[in-house]
Protein backbone atom coordinates (compact mmCIF):
# COMPACT_ATOMS: atom_id res chain seq x y z
CA MET A 1 170.17 271.25 235.12
CA ASN A 2 173.89 270.92 235.85
CA ALA A 3 176.34 273.27 234.19
CA THR A 4 179.86 272.28 233.20
CA LEU A 5 182.64 273.20 235.61
CA PHE A 6 185.80 274.41 233.90
CA ASN A 7 189.21 274.39 235.61
CA VAL A 8 192.67 275.16 234.27
CA VAL A 9 195.23 272.47 235.16
CA TYR A 10 198.97 272.21 234.65
CA ASN A 11 201.04 269.06 234.25
CA ARG A 12 198.07 266.78 234.89
CA LYS A 13 200.13 263.62 234.35
CA LYS A 14 202.90 264.84 236.68
CA ARG A 15 205.49 264.21 234.03
CA LEU A 16 207.71 266.77 232.32
CA LEU A 17 208.69 266.61 228.67
CA PRO A 18 212.38 266.25 227.73
CA ASP A 19 212.68 270.06 227.46
CA GLY A 20 211.48 270.46 231.05
CA THR A 21 207.99 271.77 230.22
CA ALA A 22 204.45 270.45 230.66
CA LEU A 23 201.07 271.21 229.09
CA VAL A 24 198.38 273.58 230.36
CA GLN A 25 194.91 272.07 229.87
CA VAL A 26 191.30 272.97 230.53
CA GLU A 27 189.39 270.39 232.55
CA ALA A 28 185.65 270.14 231.84
CA TYR A 29 183.50 268.32 234.43
CA LEU A 30 179.82 267.42 233.87
CA ASN A 31 177.60 264.66 235.27
CA MET A 32 180.45 262.69 236.84
CA LYS A 33 182.49 262.81 233.62
CA LYS A 34 185.68 264.69 232.76
CA LYS A 35 187.33 265.73 229.54
CA TYR A 36 190.59 267.59 229.03
CA PHE A 37 191.32 270.08 226.27
CA SER A 38 194.75 271.32 225.29
CA THR A 39 195.58 275.05 225.33
CA ASN A 40 198.78 274.30 223.38
CA ILE A 41 200.70 276.22 226.03
CA TYR A 42 203.77 274.54 227.52
CA LEU A 43 205.46 275.93 230.63
CA GLN A 44 208.24 275.14 233.04
CA PRO A 45 207.09 274.38 236.63
CA ASP A 46 208.27 277.74 238.00
CA GLN A 47 206.15 279.54 235.37
CA TRP A 48 202.85 278.27 236.78
CA ASP A 49 201.01 279.63 239.83
CA ILE A 50 199.34 276.56 241.36
CA LYS A 51 197.03 278.47 243.73
CA ARG A 52 195.80 281.07 241.23
CA ARG A 53 195.96 278.70 238.24
CA LYS A 54 197.75 281.31 236.15
CA VAL A 55 200.96 281.81 234.23
CA LYS A 56 203.72 283.66 236.10
CA ASN A 57 207.41 284.44 235.64
CA HIS A 58 207.00 284.37 231.90
CA PRO A 59 207.81 287.25 229.52
CA ASN A 60 204.38 286.78 227.86
CA ALA A 61 202.45 285.91 231.03
CA MET A 62 199.69 288.48 230.43
CA ARG A 63 199.09 287.38 226.86
CA LEU A 64 199.15 283.66 227.77
CA ASN A 65 196.69 284.15 230.64
CA LYS A 66 194.33 285.96 228.29
CA GLN A 67 194.71 283.14 225.77
CA VAL A 68 193.68 280.63 228.45
CA SER A 69 190.70 282.69 229.67
CA ASP A 70 189.53 283.24 226.08
CA PHE A 71 189.72 279.50 225.42
CA VAL A 72 187.62 278.74 228.51
CA ALA A 73 185.09 281.40 227.47
CA GLU A 74 184.93 279.85 224.00
CA LEU A 75 184.06 276.44 225.46
CA GLN A 76 181.48 277.99 227.76
CA THR A 77 179.85 279.71 224.78
CA VAL A 78 179.41 276.38 223.00
CA GLU A 79 177.54 275.03 226.01
CA LEU A 80 175.43 278.20 226.45
CA ASP A 81 174.42 278.19 222.79
CA ARG A 82 173.09 274.66 223.13
CA ARG A 83 171.31 275.22 226.42
CA ASN A 84 169.81 278.58 225.43
CA SER A 85 168.29 276.97 222.33
CA GLY A 86 166.76 274.23 224.47
CA LYS A 87 169.02 271.51 223.11
CA ALA A 88 170.90 268.77 224.92
CA PHE A 89 174.59 269.26 225.70
CA THR A 90 177.39 266.77 226.34
CA LEU A 91 181.14 267.08 226.76
CA ASP A 92 181.60 265.24 223.48
CA MET A 93 180.21 268.32 221.75
CA LEU A 94 183.21 270.29 222.95
CA SER A 95 185.48 267.71 221.30
CA GLU A 96 183.44 267.93 218.09
CA TYR A 97 183.61 271.71 218.21
CA LEU A 98 187.39 271.75 218.51
CA LYS A 99 187.69 269.27 215.62
CA GLY A 100 185.47 271.52 213.51
CA GLY A 101 182.61 269.03 213.72
CA TYR A 102 180.34 271.08 215.96
CA THR A 103 178.45 273.55 213.85
CA HIS A 104 174.95 274.89 213.30
CA SER A 105 175.44 274.45 209.55
CA PHE A 106 174.41 271.16 207.96
CA THR A 107 176.43 271.88 204.81
CA VAL A 108 179.56 272.63 206.86
CA PHE A 109 178.99 269.46 208.89
CA MET A 110 178.54 267.41 205.71
CA GLN A 111 181.70 268.90 204.17
CA ASN A 112 183.73 268.09 207.30
CA GLU A 113 182.45 264.52 207.43
CA ILE A 114 183.21 263.92 203.74
CA GLU A 115 186.76 265.25 204.16
CA ALA A 116 187.28 263.09 207.26
CA ASP A 117 185.90 259.94 205.61
CA LYS A 118 188.68 257.34 205.38
CA ILE A 119 186.42 254.31 204.99
CA SER A 120 184.09 254.89 202.03
CA THR A 121 185.12 254.04 198.48
CA PRO A 122 186.21 256.83 196.11
CA ALA A 123 182.95 256.39 194.20
CA THR A 124 180.90 256.91 197.38
CA ILE A 125 182.88 260.00 198.37
CA THR A 126 182.41 261.41 194.87
CA ALA A 127 178.66 260.77 195.11
CA HIS A 128 178.44 262.47 198.53
CA THR A 129 180.42 265.44 197.19
CA SER A 130 178.05 265.73 194.24
CA THR A 131 175.05 265.83 196.59
CA LEU A 132 176.71 268.51 198.73
CA LYS A 133 177.43 270.58 195.63
CA THR A 134 173.78 270.35 194.60
CA LEU A 135 172.65 271.42 198.08
CA LYS A 136 174.90 274.47 197.95
CA GLU A 137 173.58 275.35 194.51
CA TYR A 138 170.06 275.18 195.92
CA LYS A 139 170.52 277.31 199.05
CA GLY A 140 174.17 278.00 199.85
CA ASP A 141 174.73 277.51 203.58
CA ILE A 142 172.01 275.26 205.00
CA LEU A 143 171.53 275.22 208.78
CA PHE A 144 170.31 272.19 210.70
CA ASP A 145 167.22 274.17 211.68
CA ASP A 146 166.46 274.70 207.97
CA ILE A 147 165.97 271.00 207.32
CA THR A 148 162.26 270.40 207.75
CA PHE A 149 159.57 268.50 205.86
CA ASP A 150 158.81 271.66 203.86
CA PHE A 151 162.50 272.15 203.05
CA LEU A 152 162.82 268.62 201.67
CA THR A 153 159.61 268.96 199.69
CA ASN A 154 160.81 272.20 198.09
CA LEU A 155 164.24 270.69 197.40
CA GLU A 156 162.59 267.73 195.68
CA ARG A 157 160.57 270.09 193.48
CA TYR A 158 163.76 272.01 192.63
CA LEU A 159 165.58 268.83 191.60
CA PHE A 160 162.73 267.59 189.44
CA ASN A 161 162.52 271.01 187.77
CA LYS A 162 166.20 270.59 186.85
CA GLY A 163 165.16 267.55 184.82
CA LEU A 164 166.80 264.95 187.08
CA HIS A 165 165.56 261.37 187.00
CA THR A 166 163.43 260.17 189.91
CA ASN A 167 166.09 257.72 191.10
CA THR A 168 168.82 260.37 190.90
CA VAL A 169 166.73 262.59 193.15
CA ASN A 170 166.14 259.62 195.44
CA LYS A 171 169.90 259.04 195.63
CA TYR A 172 170.47 262.65 196.74
CA PHE A 173 167.93 262.24 199.54
CA ARG A 174 169.51 258.96 200.67
CA HIS A 175 172.79 260.83 201.07
CA ILE A 176 171.13 263.69 202.96
CA ARG A 177 169.39 261.21 205.25
CA LYS A 178 172.68 259.45 205.96
CA PHE A 179 174.31 262.66 207.18
CA ILE A 180 171.22 263.71 209.16
CA ASN A 181 171.35 260.34 210.94
CA LEU A 182 175.04 260.88 211.62
CA ALA A 183 174.31 264.35 213.02
CA ILE A 184 171.64 262.82 215.30
CA ASN A 185 174.18 260.31 216.60
CA LYS A 186 176.54 263.18 217.33
CA GLU A 187 173.70 265.08 219.03
CA LEU A 188 173.87 267.96 216.57
CA PHE A 189 170.34 267.36 215.26
CA GLU A 190 167.29 266.70 217.41
CA GLN A 191 165.77 263.30 216.80
CA ASN A 192 162.21 264.54 217.39
CA LYS A 193 162.66 266.89 214.40
CA TYR A 194 163.72 264.07 212.05
CA PRO A 195 162.19 265.18 208.71
CA PHE A 196 162.38 261.79 206.98
CA ARG A 197 159.75 260.42 209.35
CA LYS A 198 157.15 262.11 207.14
CA PHE A 199 159.05 262.84 203.95
CA LYS A 200 159.41 259.78 201.71
CA PRO A 201 161.50 260.27 198.53
CA LYS A 202 159.98 258.88 195.36
CA SER A 203 161.67 256.05 193.47
CA GLU A 204 161.09 254.01 190.33
CA THR A 205 162.04 250.48 189.37
CA THR A 206 164.54 250.91 186.57
CA LYS A 207 164.54 248.74 183.50
CA ARG A 208 167.61 246.53 183.31
CA GLU A 209 168.73 246.72 179.67
CA TYR A 210 170.58 243.60 178.53
CA LEU A 211 171.58 241.90 175.30
CA THR A 212 169.88 238.77 174.11
CA THR A 213 172.00 235.79 173.10
CA GLU A 214 171.45 236.74 169.44
CA GLU A 215 172.54 240.35 170.02
CA LEU A 216 175.63 239.20 171.90
CA LYS A 217 176.55 236.99 168.92
CA LEU A 218 176.17 239.99 166.62
CA LEU A 219 178.81 241.82 168.65
CA GLU A 220 181.06 238.76 168.83
CA ASN A 221 180.99 238.43 165.05
CA VAL A 222 180.95 242.09 164.04
CA VAL A 223 183.65 243.18 161.58
CA LEU A 224 184.75 246.76 162.14
CA PRO A 225 185.55 248.80 158.99
CA PRO A 226 189.25 249.74 158.60
CA GLU A 227 188.48 253.41 159.28
CA GLN A 228 186.87 252.48 162.63
CA LYS A 229 189.48 250.12 164.03
CA HIS A 230 189.80 252.50 166.99
CA LEU A 231 186.54 250.97 168.26
CA GLN A 232 188.14 247.54 168.75
CA LYS A 233 189.37 248.10 172.31
CA THR A 234 185.96 249.38 173.39
CA LEU A 235 184.34 246.32 171.82
CA ASP A 236 186.81 244.02 173.60
CA MET A 237 186.21 245.73 176.94
CA PHE A 238 182.45 245.46 176.52
CA LEU A 239 182.56 241.75 175.59
CA PHE A 240 184.99 241.11 178.44
CA SER A 241 182.46 242.61 180.86
CA CYS A 242 179.66 240.53 179.31
CA TYR A 243 181.72 237.42 180.14
CA THR A 244 182.82 238.50 183.65
CA GLY A 245 180.16 240.94 184.92
CA LEU A 246 182.73 243.54 185.99
CA ARG A 247 181.65 247.18 186.17
CA PHE A 248 183.46 249.76 184.07
CA SER A 249 185.34 251.02 187.14
CA ASP A 250 186.69 247.52 187.85
CA THR A 251 187.39 246.71 184.19
CA SER A 252 189.34 249.93 183.59
CA ALA A 253 191.31 249.43 186.82
CA LEU A 254 191.95 245.71 186.30
CA ALA A 255 195.59 245.12 187.23
CA LYS A 256 197.72 242.30 185.93
CA ASP A 257 198.27 240.98 189.44
CA ALA A 258 194.50 240.38 189.74
CA ILE A 259 194.82 237.63 187.11
CA ARG A 260 195.60 234.32 188.82
CA VAL A 261 196.29 231.09 186.99
CA LYS A 262 195.60 228.12 189.25
CA ASP A 263 195.69 224.39 188.69
CA ASP A 264 192.09 224.30 187.49
CA GLY A 265 192.20 227.46 185.36
CA MET A 266 192.28 231.26 185.23
CA TYR A 267 190.66 233.47 187.89
CA ILE A 268 190.19 237.18 188.44
CA GLU A 269 190.56 238.05 192.14
CA LEU A 270 189.98 241.64 193.20
CA THR A 271 188.18 244.02 195.54
CA MET A 272 185.40 245.84 193.72
CA ARG A 273 185.92 249.57 193.78
CA LYS A 274 182.28 250.56 194.29
CA THR A 275 181.33 248.16 197.09
CA THR A 276 184.77 247.00 198.40
CA THR A 277 183.42 243.44 197.99
CA GLN A 278 186.07 240.81 197.34
CA VAL A 279 185.31 238.51 194.42
CA SER A 280 186.95 235.50 192.84
CA ILE A 281 185.76 235.02 189.25
CA PRO A 282 186.55 231.67 187.57
CA VAL A 283 187.04 233.10 184.08
CA TYR A 284 187.68 229.69 182.53
CA LEU A 285 184.20 228.49 183.54
CA LEU A 286 182.15 231.50 182.46
CA PHE A 287 180.82 231.51 178.87
CA LYS A 288 183.33 228.79 177.90
CA GLY A 289 186.27 231.02 178.85
CA LYS A 290 185.61 233.62 176.15
CA ALA A 291 187.19 236.34 178.30
CA ILE A 292 190.59 234.60 178.28
CA PRO A 293 191.60 235.42 174.66
CA ILE A 294 190.69 239.06 175.33
CA LEU A 295 192.88 239.10 178.44
CA ASN A 296 195.75 237.46 176.57
CA LYS A 297 195.43 240.07 173.83
CA TYR A 298 196.07 243.00 176.19
CA ILE A 299 197.95 241.54 179.13
CA GLN A 300 201.18 241.45 177.14
CA GLU A 301 201.32 245.24 176.89
CA ASP A 302 203.90 246.99 179.09
CA ARG A 303 201.49 248.52 181.58
CA LYS A 304 200.22 247.84 185.09
CA TYR A 305 196.54 247.89 184.13
CA ILE A 306 194.95 246.03 181.25
CA PHE A 307 192.25 248.49 180.11
CA ASP A 308 193.16 251.78 181.74
CA ASP A 309 193.31 254.42 179.03
CA LEU A 310 189.65 254.88 178.07
CA THR A 311 187.01 256.90 179.94
CA ASN A 312 183.45 255.73 180.57
CA GLN A 313 182.04 258.62 178.53
CA TYR A 314 184.29 257.82 175.56
CA VAL A 315 183.45 254.12 175.71
CA ASN A 316 179.71 254.80 175.75
CA ARG A 317 180.05 257.07 172.71
CA CYS A 318 181.94 254.32 170.89
CA LEU A 319 179.32 251.74 171.82
CA LYS A 320 176.70 253.72 169.90
CA ASP A 321 178.76 253.32 166.73
CA ILE A 322 179.53 249.67 167.44
CA ALA A 323 175.84 248.83 167.97
CA LYS A 324 174.98 250.50 164.69
CA ILE A 325 177.65 248.57 162.78
CA ALA A 326 176.54 245.30 164.39
CA GLY A 327 172.90 245.90 163.48
CA ILE A 328 171.62 246.33 167.05
CA GLY A 329 168.85 248.87 166.79
CA ARG A 330 168.82 250.21 170.32
CA LYS A 331 171.04 252.13 172.71
CA ILE A 332 173.58 250.20 174.76
CA THR A 333 175.93 251.48 177.44
CA PHE A 334 178.84 249.78 179.15
CA HIS A 335 176.64 248.81 182.10
CA THR A 336 174.46 246.85 179.67
CA SER A 337 177.26 244.29 179.66
CA ARG A 338 176.91 243.61 183.40
CA HIS A 339 173.14 243.22 183.05
CA THR A 340 173.73 240.92 180.09
CA MET A 341 176.01 238.63 182.06
CA ALA A 342 173.56 238.37 184.97
CA THR A 343 170.47 237.82 182.83
CA LEU A 344 172.07 235.23 180.55
CA MET A 345 173.44 233.29 183.52
CA LEU A 346 169.93 233.14 184.98
CA GLY A 347 168.72 231.88 181.63
CA TYR A 348 171.36 229.13 181.76
CA GLY A 349 170.01 228.04 185.15
CA VAL A 350 172.77 229.40 187.40
CA PRO A 351 171.38 229.91 190.95
CA THR A 352 170.77 233.52 192.03
CA GLU A 353 173.14 233.14 195.00
CA ILE A 354 176.02 232.23 192.67
CA ILE A 355 175.30 235.22 190.43
CA GLN A 356 175.16 237.46 193.51
CA ASN A 357 178.61 236.22 194.49
CA GLN A 358 180.07 236.79 191.02
CA LEU A 359 178.58 240.28 190.66
CA GLY A 360 179.62 241.27 194.18
CA HIS A 361 176.12 242.34 195.22
CA ALA A 362 175.86 243.04 198.96
CA LYS A 363 172.15 242.11 198.99
CA ILE A 364 170.44 239.17 197.30
CA GLN A 365 167.49 241.49 196.53
CA THR A 366 169.67 243.38 194.05
CA THR A 367 170.41 240.20 192.14
CA GLN A 368 166.79 239.08 192.28
CA ILE A 369 165.85 242.06 190.11
CA TYR A 370 167.32 240.09 187.20
CA SER A 371 164.96 237.22 188.00
CA GLN A 372 162.07 239.66 187.63
CA VAL A 373 163.50 240.76 184.28
CA MET A 374 163.68 237.14 183.14
CA ASN A 375 160.11 236.48 184.27
CA LYS A 376 158.84 239.46 182.27
CA THR A 377 160.85 238.32 179.26
CA VAL A 378 159.30 234.87 179.46
CA ILE A 379 155.78 236.32 179.76
CA ASN A 380 156.35 238.64 176.80
CA ALA A 381 157.69 235.79 174.69
CA LEU A 382 154.77 233.52 175.53
CA GLN A 383 152.27 236.26 174.81
CA ALA A 384 153.85 236.86 171.41
CA ALA A 385 154.07 233.16 170.55
CA LYS A 386 151.57 231.74 168.06
CA PHE A 387 150.61 228.41 169.54
CA GLU A 388 148.57 226.06 167.36
């Protein structure tokens, strides 16, 4: 087994900086590959001893030489730790270590990766952060070696005992698996110890709650009492989502410049916040353009966003009161509107692929869930029908 050779080099590129100095680096050589690591020490040519590879003629020569030797020893320790534990070692691990990515702690690794994530949506980063918080609540600092089949089984039991829904628990494990896979790719976790090979998180098919055509008409025609006029904006937002299929996050962040009026009619063109999927929604064609009067009602206000001053929690509380006033005897949330749009469009004969495009689903299987809902609805209706 080859060990890494470390050498201290000065002015590797043979080019001085404008102030007449050059960088001292540590060269690491392993298996025909080289990597260079900065010591952050800059010297003038006469301050470097080429033969002895040491600092000279410098007022802090002793301290700087110790700084270099300590840095080399630090890199050597990273390699020794890996080899002594029987794990593979590559020069890339030294780079990860210096960036703070090389660690024996899974929770530290996950924290670093979340902070360095510049690609995921804000919603995804928030979800990953929530999972990390839950992990820390369960066991504080979790090492890679801690993550076994037994660990995951005990964690699952802990989460269920907290009263979390099966699919919420499943979501946490999907996040954990994602970062374990990332750690494997960075050679921080051994692939032959992959715990998800045996551990399979439980999941349940959730019921997609949606409004029937009759219930939607009840909301369209509801008259709010004078003392509850504050519910009007929530009602408008909910109906708007029923007609467009936009999530709450996209509805509340809908900017005026996303509204485009073309020759054939009005469109909403935006990038969905949750999935970063780009959609173009022909508002004038959906549900006979019922979303347009709602847009016109609020777009005149002097603000960048159309519905940006209500929170999801507040809206869902208001929807309870609105449903009661309208005579809908069951719970509805804002997301019910998105399910309503998809299910009703299926009922009107719109192809699943078109609905997938309008909802911004990455996978057709997600949209097909609504087809299953429709099939069950049809079966239930036929079973209840009294045929003569």
